[in-house]
Amino acid sequence: MLRRLIWFVLGAAVGIFLIRKIRGYLAKSRPEAIAGRVRQGLGERAGGIGAAATDFVDRARAAMAEREEEILDALGRNQPADDNPER
């Protein structure tokens, strides 16, 4: 009789443990939970990526303007903006 009670209690404990684990996994795999984890993970990295992209674009525009001035100087067409109707 005592052995049956021990096995019953052990089975109930394992069953409760498994049910709680399964509910936890199901809660983590709901779309809202997945979206939250993705949002949180990307939020940290996206800020750095956005800043790097902005910095790259700013440097590229500055380099393009500098190169344009070099080309205009080489062609002898670097005049003030009000005298140059082509600009």
Protein backbone atom coordinates (compact mmCIF):
# COMPACT_ATOMS: atom_id res chain seq x y z
CA MET A 1 0.00 0.00 0.00
CA LEU A 2 2.84 2.40 0.88
CA ARG A 3 4.64 1.58 -2.37
CA ARG A 4 1.54 2.49 -4.38
CA LEU A 5 1.24 5.78 -2.52
CA ILE A 6 4.90 6.61 -3.20
CA TRP A 7 4.51 5.82 -6.91
CA PHE A 8 1.29 7.83 -7.06
CA VAL A 9 2.93 10.88 -5.44
CA LEU A 10 6.00 10.50 -7.67
CA GLY A 11 3.81 10.25 -10.79
CA ALA A 12 1.77 13.28 -9.76
CA ALA A 13 4.94 15.32 -9.13
CA VAL A 14 6.39 14.38 -12.53
CA GLY A 15 3.06 15.15 -14.19
CA ILE A 16 2.84 18.58 -12.56
CA PHE A 17 6.46 19.31 -13.50
CA LEU A 18 5.87 18.34 -17.14
CA ILE A 19 2.65 20.32 -17.38
CA ARG A 20 4.38 23.45 -16.07
CA LYS A 21 7.29 23.01 -18.48
CA ILE A 22 4.99 22.49 -21.45
CA ARG A 23 2.91 25.55 -20.54
CA GLY A 24 6.13 27.58 -20.27
CA TYR A 25 7.29 26.45 -23.71
CA LEU A 26 3.87 27.18 -25.19
CA ALA A 27 3.86 30.65 -23.65
CA LYS A 28 7.31 31.34 -25.14
CA SER A 29 6.22 30.18 -28.58
CA ARG A 30 3.12 32.39 -28.84
CA PRO A 31 3.40 35.00 -31.60
CA GLU A 32 3.29 37.90 -29.12
CA ALA A 33 6.18 36.45 -27.10
CA ILE A 34 8.26 35.78 -30.21
CA ALA A 35 7.62 39.30 -31.50
CA GLY A 36 8.68 40.74 -28.16
CA ARG A 37 11.95 38.81 -28.15
CA VAL A 38 12.70 39.80 -31.74
CA ARG A 39 11.86 43.43 -31.03
CA GLN A 40 14.08 43.41 -27.97
CA GLY A 41 16.99 41.74 -29.77
CA LEU A 42 16.80 43.98 -32.81
CA GLY A 43 16.30 47.09 -30.75
CA GLU A 44 19.75 46.81 -29.28
CA ARG A 45 21.45 46.08 -32.59
CA ALA A 46 19.33 48.28 -34.84
CA GLY A 47 20.41 51.46 -33.06
CA GLY A 48 24.04 50.72 -33.82
CA ILE A 49 23.30 49.77 -37.41
CA GLY A 50 21.27 52.93 -37.97
CA ALA A 51 24.02 55.14 -36.55
CA ALA A 52 26.64 53.39 -38.68
CA ALA A 53 24.50 53.78 -41.81
CA THR A 54 23.91 57.48 -41.11
CA ASP A 55 27.63 58.00 -40.55
CA PHE A 56 28.44 56.17 -43.80
CA VAL A 57 25.96 58.26 -45.81
CA ASP A 58 27.32 61.50 -44.34
CA ARG A 59 30.92 60.53 -45.16
CA ALA A 60 29.92 59.42 -48.68
CA ARG A 61 28.14 62.73 -49.37
CA ALA A 62 31.13 64.71 -48.11
CA ALA A 63 33.48 62.65 -50.31
CA MET A 64 31.19 63.14 -53.34
CA ALA A 65 31.12 66.91 -52.81
CA GLU A 66 34.90 67.01 -52.41
CA ARG A 67 35.41 64.95 -55.57
CA GLU A 68 32.97 67.14 -57.49
CA GLU A 69 34.98 70.20 -56.52
CA GLU A 70 38.20 68.48 -57.66
CA ILE A 71 36.65 67.63 -61.04
CA LEU A 72 35.26 71.15 -61.53
CA ASP A 73 38.67 72.63 -60.64
CA ALA A 74 40.35 70.33 -63.16
CA LEU A 75 37.88 71.35 -65.87
CA GLY A 76 38.21 75.03 -65.01
CA ARG A 77 34.48 75.35 -64.42
CA ASN A 78 34.57 76.04 -60.69
CA GLN A 79 32.83 79.42 -60.59
CA PRO A 80 30.61 80.99 -57.94
CA ALA A 81 27.05 79.63 -57.95
CA ASP A 82 25.41 82.92 -59.07
CA ASP A 83 27.66 83.19 -62.19
CA ASN A 84 27.19 79.54 -63.26
CA PRO A 85 23.80 78.99 -64.92
CA GLU A 86 24.44 75.22 -65.29
CA ARG A 87 24.21 74.55 -61.57
